[in-house]
C-alpha atoms as a PDB file:
ATOM      1  CA  MET A   1      17.536  -5.026 -13.577  1.00  0.00           C
ATOM      2  CA  VAL A   2      17.017  -8.618 -12.455  1.00  0.00           C
ATOM      3  CA  PHE A   3      13.227  -8.313 -12.444  1.00  0.00           C
ATOM      4  CA  THR A   4      11.216  -9.336 -15.470  1.00  0.00           C
ATOM      5  CA  ARG A   5       7.881  -7.636 -16.002  1.00  0.00           C
ATOM      6  CA  HIS A   6       5.090 -10.007 -16.899  1.00  0.00           C
ATOM      7  CA  PRO A   7       4.206  -9.767 -20.600  1.00  0.00           C
ATOM      8  CA  GLN A   8       0.510  -9.356 -19.760  1.00  0.00           C
ATOM      9  CA  ASN A   9       1.099  -6.290 -17.598  1.00  0.00           C
ATOM     10  CA  PRO A  10      -0.837  -4.498 -16.389  1.00  0.00           C
ATOM     11  CA  LEU A  11      -2.775  -7.457 -15.007  1.00  0.00           C
ATOM     12  CA  ILE A  12      -5.679  -5.364 -13.692  1.00  0.00           C
ATOM     13  CA  THR A  13      -6.732  -1.877 -14.788  1.00  0.00           C
ATOM     14  CA  PRO A  14      -9.630   0.361 -13.706  1.00  0.00           C
ATOM     15  CA  ALA A  15     -11.592  -0.813 -16.760  1.00  0.00           C
ATOM     16  CA  ASP A  16     -11.607  -4.338 -15.295  1.00  0.00           C
ATOM     17  CA  VAL A  17     -13.383  -3.305 -12.085  1.00  0.00           C
ATOM     18  CA  LYS A  18     -17.110  -2.660 -11.758  1.00  0.00           C
ATOM     19  CA  PRO A  19     -17.893   0.566  -9.848  1.00  0.00           C
ATOM     20  CA  SER A  20     -19.647   0.123  -6.524  1.00  0.00           C
ATOM     21  CA  ARG A  21     -22.251   2.728  -7.595  1.00  0.00           C
ATOM     22  CA  SER A  22     -23.762   3.526 -10.956  1.00  0.00           C
ATOM     23  CA  ASP A  23     -22.893   7.241 -10.597  1.00  0.00           C
ATOM     24  CA  PHE A  24     -19.214   6.523  -9.815  1.00  0.00           C
ATOM     25  CA  GLU A  25     -16.259   5.596 -12.000  1.00  0.00           C
ATOM     26  CA  VAL A  26     -13.220   3.547 -11.037  1.00  0.00           C
ATOM     27  CA  ILE A  27      -9.995   5.495 -11.547  1.00  0.00           C
ATOM     28  CA  GLY A  28      -7.599   3.124  -9.807  1.00  0.00           C
ATOM     29  CA  ALA A  29      -7.240  -0.583  -9.005  1.00  0.00           C
ATOM     30  CA  PHE A  30      -3.798  -0.823  -7.414  1.00  0.00           C
ATOM     31  CA  ASN A  31      -1.612  -1.353  -4.301  1.00  0.00           C
ATOM     32  CA  ALA A  32      -3.010  -4.795  -3.511  1.00  0.00           C
ATOM     33  CA  GLY A  33      -2.331  -6.979  -0.513  1.00  0.00           C
ATOM     34  CA  VAL A  34      -1.327 -10.474  -1.646  1.00  0.00           C
ATOM     35  CA  THR A  35      -1.520 -13.969  -0.200  1.00  0.00           C
ATOM     36  CA  ARG A  36      -2.174 -17.580  -1.100  1.00  0.00           C
ATOM     37  CA  TYR A  37      -5.437 -19.045   0.169  1.00  0.00           C
ATOM     38  CA  LYS A  38      -5.991 -22.730  -0.580  1.00  0.00           C
ATOM     39  CA  ASP A  39      -5.205 -23.129  -4.296  1.00  0.00           C
ATOM     40  CA  GLU A  40      -5.638 -19.483  -5.260  1.00  0.00           C
ATOM     41  CA  VAL A  41      -3.707 -16.233  -5.222  1.00  0.00           C
ATOM     42  CA  ILE A  42      -5.755 -13.595  -3.431  1.00  0.00           C
ATOM     43  CA  LEU A  43      -5.442  -9.868  -4.068  1.00  0.00           C
ATOM     44  CA  LEU A  44      -7.122  -7.234  -1.951  1.00  0.00           C
ATOM     45  CA  LEU A  45      -7.154  -4.336  -4.386  1.00  0.00           C
ATOM     46  CA  ARG A  46      -7.350  -0.718  -3.420  1.00  0.00           C
ATOM     47  CA  VAL A  47     -10.206   0.460  -5.635  1.00  0.00           C
ATOM     48  CA  ALA A  48     -10.365   4.250  -5.933  1.00  0.00           C
ATOM     49  CA  GLU A  49     -13.626   5.740  -7.209  1.00  0.00           C
ATOM     50  CA  ARG A  50     -14.931   9.199  -7.871  1.00  0.00           C
ATOM     51  CA  PRO A  51     -18.258  10.676  -8.961  1.00  0.00           C
ATOM     52  CA  ILE A  52     -18.768  10.770 -12.714  1.00  0.00           C
ATOM     53  CA  ASN A  53     -18.330  14.416 -13.673  1.00  0.00           C
ATOM     54  CA  PRO A  54     -18.806  15.324 -17.345  1.00  0.00           C
ATOM     55  CA  ASP A  55     -18.103  19.011 -16.630  1.00  0.00           C
ATOM     56  CA  ALA A  56     -14.339  19.566 -16.556  1.00  0.00           C
ATOM     57  CA  THR A  57     -14.732  22.969 -14.909  1.00  0.00           C
ATOM     58  CA  TRP A  58     -15.604  21.258 -11.604  1.00  0.00           C
ATOM     59  CA  THR A  59     -13.957  18.709  -9.366  1.00  0.00           C
ATOM     60  CA  ALA A  60     -15.416  16.810  -6.457  1.00  0.00           C
ATOM     61  CA  TYR A  61     -14.434  15.141  -3.255  1.00  0.00           C
ATOM     62  CA  PRO A  62     -16.447  12.219  -1.862  1.00  0.00           C
ATOM     63  CA  SER A  63     -16.509  11.200   1.782  1.00  0.00           C
ATOM     64  CA  MET A  64     -18.343   8.696   3.952  1.00  0.00           C
ATOM     65  CA  SER A  65     -20.995  10.335   6.137  1.00  0.00           C
ATOM     66  CA  GLU A  66     -21.936   9.197   9.617  1.00  0.00           C
ATOM     67  CA  ASN A  67     -24.979   7.304   8.320  1.00  0.00           C
ATOM     68  CA  GLY A  68     -22.829   5.186   5.999  1.00  0.00           C
ATOM     69  CA  ASP A  69     -23.689   6.997   2.772  1.00  0.00           C
ATOM     70  CA  ILE A  70     -21.151   8.701   0.523  1.00  0.00           C
ATOM     71  CA  SER A  71     -21.635  12.446   0.223  1.00  0.00           C
ATOM     72  CA  VAL A  72     -20.143  14.481  -2.620  1.00  0.00           C
ATOM     73  CA  GLN A  73     -19.030  18.121  -2.568  1.00  0.00           C
ATOM     74  CA  MET A  74     -18.393  19.907  -5.872  1.00  0.00           C
ATOM     75  CA  ILE A  75     -15.656  22.552  -6.193  1.00  0.00           C
ATOM     76  CA  ALA A  76     -15.092  24.882  -9.136  1.00  0.00           C
ATOM     77  CA  ARG A  77     -11.616  24.479 -10.621  1.00  0.00           C
ATOM     78  CA  ALA A  78     -11.432  28.244 -11.119  1.00  0.00           C
ATOM     79  CA  ASN A  79     -11.841  28.846  -7.384  1.00  0.00           C
ATOM     80  CA  ASP A  80      -8.405  30.088  -6.337  1.00  0.00           C
ATOM     81  CA  GLN A  81      -8.934  29.273  -2.676  1.00  0.00           C
ATOM     82  CA  TYR A  82      -8.147  25.634  -3.510  1.00  0.00           C
ATOM     83  CA  ASP A  83      -4.872  24.075  -4.643  1.00  0.00           C
ATOM     84  CA  LEU A  84      -5.636  21.373  -7.243  1.00  0.00           C
ATOM     85  CA  SER A  85      -2.059  20.842  -8.482  1.00  0.00           C
ATOM     86  CA  ASP A  86      -1.916  17.250  -7.170  1.00  0.00           C
ATOM     87  CA  SER A  87      -4.470  15.070  -8.962  1.00  0.00           C
ATOM     88  CA  ARG A  88      -5.041  13.097  -5.766  1.00  0.00           C
ATOM     89  CA  LEU A  89      -5.790  16.020  -3.478  1.00  0.00           C
ATOM     90  CA  ILE A  90      -7.803  19.176  -2.909  1.00  0.00           C
ATOM     91  CA  VAL A  91      -6.178  21.613  -0.490  1.00  0.00           C
ATOM     92  CA  ASP A  92      -8.177  24.456   1.039  1.00  0.00           C
ATOM     93  CA  LEU A  93      -5.606  27.273   1.133  1.00  0.00           C
ATOM     94  CA  ARG A  94      -7.517  29.149   3.831  1.00  0.00           C
ATOM     95  CA  THR A  95      -7.627  26.338   6.375  1.00  0.00           C
ATOM     96  CA  SER A  96      -4.937  23.932   5.025  1.00  0.00           C
ATOM     97  CA  GLN A  97      -7.566  21.179   5.099  1.00  0.00           C
ATOM     98  CA  VAL A  98      -6.718  18.346   2.695  1.00  0.00           C
ATOM     99  CA  MET A  99      -9.446  16.374   0.913  1.00  0.00           C
ATOM    100  CA  LEU A 100      -9.202  13.517  -1.575  1.00  0.00           C
ATOM    101  CA  THR A 101     -10.565  13.495  -5.109  1.00  0.00           C
ATOM    102  CA  SER A 102     -11.540   9.828  -4.746  1.00  0.00           C
ATOM    103  CA  ILE A 103     -12.655   7.408  -2.046  1.00  0.00           C
ATOM    104  CA  SER A 104     -11.168   3.919  -1.786  1.00  0.00           C
ATOM    105  CA  HIS A 105     -12.404   0.540  -0.631  1.00  0.00           C
ATOM    106  CA  LEU A 106     -10.855  -2.937  -0.734  1.00  0.00           C
ATOM    107  CA  ARG A 107     -11.983  -5.378  -3.443  1.00  0.00           C
ATOM    108  CA  LEU A 108     -11.148  -9.082  -3.574  1.00  0.00           C
ATOM    109  CA  ALA A 109      -9.698 -10.727  -6.688  1.00  0.00           C
ATOM    110  CA  ARG A 110      -8.840 -14.422  -7.145  1.00  0.00           C
ATOM    111  CA  SER A 111      -6.591 -16.331  -9.517  1.00  0.00           C
ATOM    112  CA  ARG A 112      -5.448 -19.929 -10.017  1.00  0.00           C
ATOM    113  CA  ASP A 113      -2.300 -18.938 -11.924  1.00  0.00           C
ATOM    114  CA  GLY A 114      -1.485 -15.601 -10.283  1.00  0.00           C
ATOM    115  CA  VAL A 115      -1.959 -13.766 -13.579  1.00  0.00           C
ATOM    116  CA  HIS A 116      -5.611 -13.996 -14.652  1.00  0.00           C
ATOM    117  CA  PHE A 117      -7.852 -12.656 -11.904  1.00  0.00           C
ATOM    118  CA  LYS A 118     -11.589 -12.793 -11.315  1.00  0.00           C
ATOM    119  CA  ILE A 119     -12.626  -9.621  -9.510  1.00  0.00           C
ATOM    120  CA  ASP A 120     -15.614  -9.510  -7.162  1.00  0.00           C
ATOM    121  CA  GLU A 121     -18.366  -7.122  -8.207  1.00  0.00           C
ATOM    122  CA  HIS A 122     -18.842  -5.707  -4.717  1.00  0.00           C
ATOM    123  CA  PRO A 123     -16.456  -4.236  -2.112  1.00  0.00           C
ATOM    124  CA  TRP A 124     -14.820  -6.582   0.376  1.00  0.00           C
ATOM    125  CA  LEU A 125     -14.147  -3.864   2.978  1.00  0.00           C
ATOM    126  CA  VAL A 126     -15.810  -0.454   2.924  1.00  0.00           C
ATOM    127  CA  PRO A 127     -14.903   2.656   4.926  1.00  0.00           C
ATOM    128  CA  THR A 128     -16.679   3.283   8.225  1.00  0.00           C
ATOM    129  CA  PRO A 129     -16.770   6.529  10.246  1.00  0.00           C
ATOM    130  CA  PRO A 130     -15.142   8.222  12.005  1.00  0.00           C
ATOM    131  CA  TYR A 131     -11.593   7.136  11.113  1.00  0.00           C
ATOM    132  CA  GLU A 132     -12.158   6.043   7.495  1.00  0.00           C
ATOM    133  CA  ASN A 133     -14.387   8.774   6.027  1.00  0.00           C
ATOM    134  CA  TYR A 134     -11.977   9.338   3.125  1.00  0.00           C
ATOM    135  CA  GLY A 135     -11.396   5.643   2.469  1.00  0.00           C
ATOM    136  CA  VAL A 136      -9.469   2.471   3.263  1.00  0.00           C
ATOM    137  CA  GLU A 137      -6.241   2.020   1.321  1.00  0.00           C
ATOM    138  CA  ASP A 138      -3.144  -0.095   0.686  1.00  0.00           C
ATOM    139  CA  ALA A 139      -3.888  -3.413   2.369  1.00  0.00           C
ATOM    140  CA  ARG A 140      -1.151  -5.775   3.535  1.00  0.00           C
ATOM    141  CA  ILE A 141      -2.017  -9.406   4.289  1.00  0.00           C
ATOM    142  CA  THR A 142      -0.167 -11.520   6.847  1.00  0.00           C
ATOM    143  CA  CYS A 143      -1.109 -15.107   7.698  1.00  0.00           C
ATOM    144  CA  ILE A 144      -0.359 -16.181  11.271  1.00  0.00           C
ATOM    145  CA  GLU A 145      -1.536 -19.605  12.458  1.00  0.00           C
ATOM    146  CA  ASP A 146      -4.254 -19.882   9.789  1.00  0.00           C
ATOM    147  CA  VAL A 147      -5.660 -16.411  10.492  1.00  0.00           C
ATOM    148  CA  TYR A 148      -5.223 -13.748   7.827  1.00  0.00           C
ATOM    149  CA  TYR A 149      -4.591 -10.302   9.297  1.00  0.00           C
ATOM    150  CA  ILE A 150      -5.151  -7.355   6.977  1.00  0.00           C
ATOM    151  CA  ASN A 151      -3.820  -3.967   7.976  1.00  0.00           C
ATOM    152  CA  TYR A 152      -4.607  -0.889   5.906  1.00  0.00           C
ATOM    153  CA  SER A 153      -4.456   2.882   5.897  1.00  0.00           C
ATOM    154  CA  ALA A 154      -7.578   4.414   7.410  1.00  0.00           C
ATOM    155  CA  VAL A 155      -7.970   7.925   6.003  1.00  0.00           C
ATOM    156  CA  SER A 156     -10.144  10.736   7.326  1.00  0.00           C
ATOM    157  CA  ALA A 157     -10.019  14.422   8.204  1.00  0.00           C
ATOM    158  CA  LEU A 158      -8.512  13.243  11.506  1.00  0.00           C
ATOM    159  CA  GLY A 159      -5.430  11.985   9.652  1.00  0.00           C
ATOM    160  CA  ILE A 160      -3.977   8.740   8.310  1.00  0.00           C
ATOM    161  CA  SER A 161      -4.062   5.913  10.835  1.00  0.00           C
ATOM    162  CA  THR A 162      -3.669   2.137  10.545  1.00  0.00           C
ATOM    163  CA  GLY A 163      -6.620  -0.217  10.895  1.00  0.00           C
ATOM    164  CA  LEU A 164      -6.619  -3.993  11.311  1.00  0.00           C
ATOM    165  CA  VAL A 165      -9.136  -6.691  10.408  1.00  0.00           C
ATOM    166  CA  SER A 166      -8.866 -10.475  10.368  1.00  0.00           C
ATOM    167  CA  THR A 167     -10.451 -13.343   8.461  1.00  0.00           C
ATOM    168  CA  ARG A 168     -10.072 -17.098   8.160  1.00  0.00           C
ATOM    169  CA  ASP A 169     -11.914 -17.526   4.867  1.00  0.00           C
ATOM    170  CA  PHE A 170     -12.024 -14.086   3.137  1.00  0.00           C
ATOM    171  CA  VAL A 171     -15.787 -14.131   3.675  1.00  0.00           C
ATOM    172  CA  ASN A 172     -16.258 -13.314   7.355  1.00  0.00           C
ATOM    173  CA  ILE A 173     -14.383 -10.253   8.601  1.00  0.00           C
ATOM    174  CA  GLU A 174     -13.611  -9.230  12.178  1.00  0.00           C
ATOM    175  CA  ARG A 175     -12.682  -5.592  12.743  1.00  0.00           C
ATOM    176  CA  LEU A 176      -9.911  -5.219  15.336  1.00  0.00           C
ATOM    177  CA  GLY A 177      -9.734  -1.422  15.345  1.00  0.00           C
ATOM    178  CA  ILE A 178      -7.040   1.216  14.955  1.00  0.00           C
ATOM    179  CA  ILE A 179      -3.561  -0.071  15.835  1.00  0.00           C
ATOM    180  CA  PHE A 180      -1.523   3.076  15.032  1.00  0.00           C
ATOM    181  CA  PRO A 181      -2.930   6.617  15.344  1.00  0.00           C
ATOM    182  CA  PRO A 182      -2.207   9.450  12.900  1.00  0.00           C
ATOM    183  CA  ALA A 183       0.008  10.013  11.206  1.00  0.00           C
ATOM    184  CA  ASN A 184       1.283   6.524  10.482  1.00  0.00           C
ATOM    185  CA  ARG A 185       1.123   4.164   7.518  1.00  0.00           C
ATOM    186  CA  ASP A 186       2.970   1.443   5.534  1.00  0.00           C
ATOM    187  CA  VAL A 187       2.638  -1.142   8.311  1.00  0.00           C
ATOM    188  CA  THR A 188       3.976  -4.623   7.487  1.00  0.00           C
ATOM    189  CA  ILE A 189       3.341  -7.406  10.009  1.00  0.00           C
ATOM    190  CA  PHE A 190       5.680 -10.394  10.258  1.00  0.00           C
ATOM    191  CA  PRO A 191       4.090 -13.823   9.629  1.00  0.00           C
ATOM    192  CA  ALA A 192       5.575 -15.331  12.821  1.00  0.00           C
ATOM    193  CA  ARG A 193       6.325 -14.353  16.392  1.00  0.00           C
ATOM    194  CA  ILE A 194       9.925 -13.569  17.302  1.00  0.00           C
ATOM    195  CA  ALA A 195      10.994 -14.164  20.919  1.00  0.00           C
ATOM    196  CA  GLY A 196       7.322 -14.435  21.802  1.00  0.00           C
ATOM    197  CA  ASP A 197       6.287 -11.091  20.290  1.00  0.00           C
ATOM    198  CA  TYR A 198       4.411 -10.085  17.189  1.00  0.00           C
ATOM    199  CA  ILE A 199       6.585  -7.759  15.112  1.00  0.00           C
ATOM    200  CA  CYS A 200       5.776  -5.093  12.549  1.00  0.00           C
ATOM    201  CA  TYR A 201       7.468  -2.324  10.643  1.00  0.00           C
ATOM    202  CA  HIS A 202       5.679   1.011  10.465  1.00  0.00           C
ATOM    203  CA  ARG A 203       6.324   4.497   9.135  1.00  0.00           C
ATOM    204  CA  PRO A 204       5.534   7.425  11.448  1.00  0.00           C
ATOM    205  CA  MET A 205       5.064  10.757   9.693  1.00  0.00           C
ATOM    206  CA  PRO A 206       6.650  13.500  11.825  1.00  0.00           C
ATOM    207  CA  GLY A 207       5.919  17.163  11.246  1.00  0.00           C
ATOM    208  CA  ALA A 208       8.451  19.991  11.478  1.00  0.00           C
ATOM    209  CA  LEU A 209      11.279  17.777  12.736  1.00  0.00           C
ATOM    210  CA  GLY A 210      12.395  14.392  11.470  1.00  0.00           C
ATOM    211  CA  SER A 211      12.067  12.442   8.246  1.00  0.00           C
ATOM    212  CA  LEU A 212       9.979   9.541   6.948  1.00  0.00           C
ATOM    213  CA  ASN A 213      11.748   6.332   7.986  1.00  0.00           C
ATOM    214  CA  ILE A 214      10.926   2.698   8.761  1.00  0.00           C
ATOM    215  CA  TRP A 215      10.503   1.781  12.437  1.00  0.00           C
ATOM    216  CA  LEU A 216       9.934  -1.514  14.251  1.00  0.00           C
ATOM    217  CA  ALA A 217       7.327  -2.182  16.948  1.00  0.00           C
ATOM    218  CA  ARG A 218       6.448  -5.186  19.116  1.00  0.00           C
ATOM    219  CA  SER A 219       3.137  -6.471  20.463  1.00  0.00           C
ATOM    220  CA  THR A 220       1.712  -9.344  22.477  1.00  0.00           C
ATOM    221  CA  ASP A 221      -1.791  -9.140  20.960  1.00  0.00           C
ATOM    222  CA  LEU A 222      -1.464  -7.377  17.545  1.00  0.00           C
ATOM    223  CA  LYS A 223      -3.488  -4.436  18.914  1.00  0.00           C
ATOM    224  CA  ARG A 224      -1.164  -2.623  21.321  1.00  0.00           C
ATOM    225  CA  TRP A 225       2.314  -1.858  19.976  1.00  0.00           C
ATOM    226  CA  GLY A 226       5.438  -0.572  21.702  1.00  0.00           C
ATOM    227  CA  ASN A 227       9.230  -0.940  22.099  1.00  0.00           C
ATOM    228  CA  HIS A 228       9.748   1.136  18.960  1.00  0.00           C
ATOM    229  CA  GLN A 229      13.127   1.162  17.189  1.00  0.00           C
ATOM    230  CA  ILE A 230      14.401   2.815  14.042  1.00  0.00           C
ATOM    231  CA  VAL A 231      15.299   0.254  11.344  1.00  0.00           C
ATOM    232  CA  LEU A 232      15.898   1.977   8.008  1.00  0.00           C
ATOM    233  CA  GLN A 233      16.545   5.587   7.037  1.00  0.00           C
ATOM    234  CA  GLY A 234      16.555   6.903   3.507  1.00  0.00           C
ATOM    235  CA  ASP A 235      19.701   8.160   1.820  1.00  0.00           C
ATOM    236  CA  PRO A 236      19.397  11.974   1.640  1.00  0.00           C
ATOM    237  CA  THR A 237      21.534  12.133  -1.507  1.00  0.00           C
ATOM    238  CA  GLY A 238      20.021   9.442  -3.719  1.00  0.00           C
ATOM    239  CA  TRP A 239      16.832   7.799  -4.927  1.00  0.00           C
ATOM    240  CA  GLU A 240      15.528   7.617  -1.335  1.00  0.00           C
ATOM    241  CA  ASN A 241      15.931  11.313  -0.575  1.00  0.00           C
ATOM    242  CA  GLY A 242      12.201  11.972  -0.165  1.00  0.00           C
ATOM    243  CA  ARG A 243      11.008   9.087   2.026  1.00  0.00           C
ATOM    244  CA  VAL A 244      11.135   5.370   2.642  1.00  0.00           C
ATOM    245  CA  GLY A 245       8.286   3.130   3.765  1.00  0.00           C
ATOM    246  CA  GLY A 246       7.205  -0.461   4.069  1.00  0.00           C
ATOM    247  CA  GLY A 247       6.096  -2.490   1.066  1.00  0.00           C
ATOM    248  CA  ALA A 248       5.420  -6.224   1.200  1.00  0.00           C
ATOM    249  CA  PRO A 249       5.228  -8.036   4.569  1.00  0.00           C
ATOM    250  CA  PRO A 250       8.562  -9.693   5.377  1.00  0.00           C
ATOM    251  CA  ILE A 251       9.322 -13.122   3.886  1.00  0.00           C
ATOM    252  CA  LEU A 252      11.620 -15.615   5.622  1.00  0.00           C
ATOM    253  CA  THR A 253      14.496 -16.795   3.400  1.00  0.00           C
ATOM    254  CA  SER A 254      17.748 -18.668   3.931  1.00  0.00           C
ATOM    255  CA  LYS A 255      19.498 -15.333   4.559  1.00  0.00           C
ATOM    256  CA  GLY A 256      16.892 -13.965   6.968  1.00  0.00           C
ATOM    257  CA  TRP A 257      13.801 -11.799   6.706  1.00  0.00           C
ATOM    258  CA  LEU A 258      13.462 -10.225   3.267  1.00  0.00           C
ATOM    259  CA  SER A 259      11.546  -6.934   3.126  1.00  0.00           C
ATOM    260  CA  ILE A 260      10.651  -5.171  -0.097  1.00  0.00           C
ATOM    261  CA  TYR A 261      10.230  -1.463   0.603  1.00  0.00           C
ATOM    262  CA  HIS A 262       9.415   1.651  -1.396  1.00  0.00           C
ATOM    263  CA  ALA A 263      11.288   4.913  -1.609  1.00  0.00           C
ATOM    264  CA  ALA A 264      10.480   8.230  -3.230  1.00  0.00           C
ATOM    265  CA  ASP A 265      12.765  11.063  -4.211  1.00  0.00           C
ATOM    266  CA  ARG A 266      11.963  14.756  -3.945  1.00  0.00           C
ATOM    267  CA  GLN A 267      10.406  14.666  -7.425  1.00  0.00           C
ATOM    268  CA  GLN A 268       7.843  12.079  -6.210  1.00  0.00           C
ATOM    269  CA  ARG A 269       9.357   9.249  -8.245  1.00  0.00           C
ATOM    270  CA  TYR A 270       8.659   5.976  -6.434  1.00  0.00           C
ATOM    271  CA  CYS A 271      10.961   2.937  -6.728  1.00  0.00           C
ATOM    272  CA  LEU A 272      11.394  -0.365  -4.866  1.00  0.00           C
ATOM    273  CA  GLY A 273      14.340  -1.658  -2.876  1.00  0.00           C
ATOM    274  CA  PHE A 274      14.959  -4.420  -0.357  1.00  0.00           C
ATOM    275  CA  PHE A 275      16.694  -5.142   2.922  1.00  0.00           C
ATOM    276  CA  VAL A 276      17.331  -8.285   4.959  1.00  0.00           C
ATOM    277  CA  THR A 277      17.453  -8.766   8.745  1.00  0.00           C
ATOM    278  CA  PRO A 278      18.474 -11.833  10.791  1.00  0.00           C
ATOM    279  CA  GLU A 279      15.698 -14.310  11.616  1.00  0.00           C
ATOM    280  CA  ASP A 280      16.025 -13.563  15.335  1.00  0.00           C
ATOM    281  CA  ASN A 281      16.734  -9.816  15.119  1.00  0.00           C
ATOM    282  CA  PRO A 282      14.404  -7.890  12.764  1.00  0.00           C
ATOM    283  CA  ALA A 283      15.829  -4.541  13.920  1.00  0.00           C
ATOM    284  CA  ARG A 284      19.307  -5.110  12.413  1.00  0.00           C
ATOM    285  CA  VAL A 285      19.771  -4.671   8.666  1.00  0.00           C
ATOM    286  CA  ILE A 286      22.459  -7.011   7.303  1.00  0.00           C
ATOM    287  CA  LEU A 287      21.813  -6.639   3.559  1.00  0.00           C
ATOM    288  CA  GLN A 288      20.355  -3.779   1.549  1.00  0.00           C
ATOM    289  CA  SER A 289      19.961  -3.015  -2.138  1.00  0.00           C
ATOM    290  CA  GLN A 290      22.431  -0.458  -3.477  1.00  0.00           C
ATOM    291  CA  GLN A 291      20.095   0.820  -6.181  1.00  0.00           C
ATOM    292  CA  PRO A 292      16.365   0.408  -6.918  1.00  0.00           C
ATOM    293  CA  ILE A 293      15.414  -3.152  -7.793  1.00  0.00           C
ATOM    294  CA  LEU A 294      12.382  -1.882  -9.718  1.00  0.00           C
ATOM    295  CA  SER A 295      11.926   1.627 -11.118  1.00  0.00           C
ATOM    296  CA  PRO A 296       9.165   3.189 -13.211  1.00  0.00           C
ATOM    297  CA  GLU A 297      10.158   2.544 -16.825  1.00  0.00           C
ATOM    298  CA  ALA A 298       7.234   0.888 -18.626  1.00  0.00           C
ATOM    299  CA  SER A 299       4.572   3.183 -20.065  1.00  0.00           C
ATOM    300  CA  TYR A 300       1.968   2.042 -17.516  1.00  0.00           C
ATOM    301  CA  GLU A 301       4.421   3.055 -14.763  1.00  0.00           C
ATOM    302  CA  THR A 302       5.521   6.414 -16.178  1.00  0.00           C
ATOM    303  CA  GLN A 303       2.070   7.525 -17.339  1.00  0.00           C
ATOM    304  CA  GLY A 304      -1.219   7.373 -15.477  1.00  0.00           C
ATOM    305  CA  PHE A 305      -3.179   8.944 -12.656  1.00  0.00           C
ATOM    306  CA  PHE A 306      -0.023   9.721 -10.647  1.00  0.00           C
ATOM    307  CA  PRO A 307       2.919   8.969 -12.950  1.00  0.00           C
ATOM    308  CA  ASN A 308       6.379   7.563 -12.217  1.00  0.00           C
ATOM    309  CA  VAL A 309       5.266   5.221  -9.446  1.00  0.00           C
ATOM    310  CA  VAL A 310       5.916   1.570  -8.664  1.00  0.00           C
ATOM    311  CA  PHE A 311       4.587   0.672  -5.204  1.00  0.00           C
ATOM    312  CA  THR A 312       4.064  -2.750  -3.639  1.00  0.00           C
ATOM    313  CA  CYS A 313       1.918  -4.026  -0.789  1.00  0.00           C
ATOM    314  CA  GLY A 314       2.578  -7.726  -1.334  1.00  0.00           C
ATOM    315  CA  ALA A 315       4.860 -10.384  -2.764  1.00  0.00           C
ATOM    316  CA  LEU A 316       4.962 -14.178  -2.976  1.00  0.00           C
ATOM    317  CA  LEU A 317       8.002 -16.430  -2.834  1.00  0.00           C
ATOM    318  CA  GLU A 318       7.350 -19.421  -5.109  1.00  0.00           C
ATOM    319  CA  GLY A 319      10.354 -21.720  -4.812  1.00  0.00           C
ATOM    320  CA  ASP A 320      13.328 -19.554  -5.793  1.00  0.00           C
ATOM    321  CA  ILE A 321      11.202 -16.967  -7.619  1.00  0.00           C
ATOM    322  CA  LEU A 322       9.980 -13.796  -5.944  1.00  0.00           C
ATOM    323  CA  ARG A 323       6.775 -12.449  -7.487  1.00  0.00           C
ATOM    324  CA  ILE A 324       6.097  -8.798  -6.659  1.00  0.00           C
ATOM    325  CA  TYR A 325       2.607  -7.473  -7.306  1.00  0.00           C
ATOM    326  CA  TYR A 326       2.782  -3.716  -7.503  1.00  0.00           C
ATOM    327  CA  GLY A 327       0.735  -0.635  -8.186  1.00  0.00           C
ATOM    328  CA  ALA A 328       1.714   1.292 -11.298  1.00  0.00           C
ATOM    329  CA  SER A 329       1.071   5.058 -11.471  1.00  0.00           C
ATOM    330  CA  ASP A 330      -1.597   4.781  -8.728  1.00  0.00           C
ATOM    331  CA  GLU A 331      -3.799   3.233 -11.396  1.00  0.00           C
ATOM    332  CA  SER A 332      -3.233  -0.457 -12.179  1.00  0.00           C
ATOM    333  CA  ILE A 333      -1.732  -3.711 -10.873  1.00  0.00           C
ATOM    334  CA  ALA A 334       1.338  -5.265 -12.460  1.00  0.00           C
ATOM    335  CA  LEU A 335       3.634  -8.215 -11.759  1.00  0.00           C
ATOM    336  CA  ALA A 336       7.420  -8.544 -11.833  1.00  0.00           C
ATOM    337  CA  GLU A 337       9.472 -11.661 -11.097  1.00  0.00           C
ATOM    338  CA  ALA A 338      13.102 -12.405 -10.226  1.00  0.00           C
ATOM    339  CA  ASN A 339      15.276 -15.198  -8.909  1.00  0.00           C
ATOM    340  CA  LEU A 340      15.962 -14.763  -5.211  1.00  0.00           C
ATOM    341  CA  GLU A 341      19.726 -15.199  -5.512  1.00  0.00           C
ATOM    342  CA  ASP A 342      19.853 -12.576  -8.269  1.00  0.00           C
ATOM    343  CA  ILE A 343      18.088 -10.168  -5.925  1.00  0.00           C
ATOM    344  CA  PHE A 344      20.545 -10.821  -3.087  1.00  0.00           C
ATOM    345  CA  ALA A 345      23.420 -10.188  -5.492  1.00  0.00           C
ATOM    346  CA  LEU A 346      22.279  -6.537  -5.675  1.00  0.00           C
ATOM    347  CA  ALA A 347      22.877  -6.008  -1.960  1.00  0.00           C
ATOM    348  CA  LYS A 348      25.479  -4.108  -0.089  1.00  0.00           C
ATOM    349  CA  THR A 349      26.535  -5.469   3.298  1.00  0.00           C
ATOM    350  CA  ASP A 350      26.275  -3.548   6.534  1.00  0.00           C
END
């Protein structure tokens, strides 16, 4: 592969992050939105926490209550009415209700060199009812005209929707509301208007019919989106045969808009690929990777909370070098780098 993993990987682990409560433990610091702000690299980490539970015969699911406090429900592991086979989930077999074993918030981290990060002690964005009771996850950061827009997955018993906030200084936050209703996630917003419109990719999650593909939408105000078009479908026979979804927000290059995306196979192994669209037509794919450009191979990618996962929410283009910050095993943050021309050499043409 053309990507080189940073020798200090993983850059951030759960042990590096202070819990938001003394009775909670951090089990994941991963899937960070990335941008440059002034002379620093900014990460907005997804920090997943759960109640400290010394008794292994029980599990718990936390959720945000209407008064803004986190409530915790304990469930006996021996209770056969619940499916606990996925470490991330609790499924009530009677009602099919899905609950999470952790609750996530966004935490800010800063770095001068893009490798050594200072992590804030307190959350940057916390869940609010009713659409975020189970947490806020997987931020993507897009800068448009000196405003930083952060979209994220808003998770609750109502489903997975997409929320949007904005900031100019990463101190003051304006909430802009839900921009895609359930079930939709993996939104990546372009850093410039095209033909007068804001553009994003998103990933609807159909039920009995359809598959999980990348779509395009247009907006005049970043809040109301329409004119949807299919952009990228997974290959049903290969490494994309489970799903595809957005990764890092698109980056403008000499060949067009570069998008790093993720794909999973039916064994839940997550890899990264890329595609390129013309500068003036983000719905038409002109280049696409033939094979994964980054696959879970290092121990911190193949072992962890949810193993065999590399998943990105942000990348930086520094000269000719693309730096991808990615979540490893739903647990830590790592960095991989490659020359842009070497990446393009992996493409197949449409």
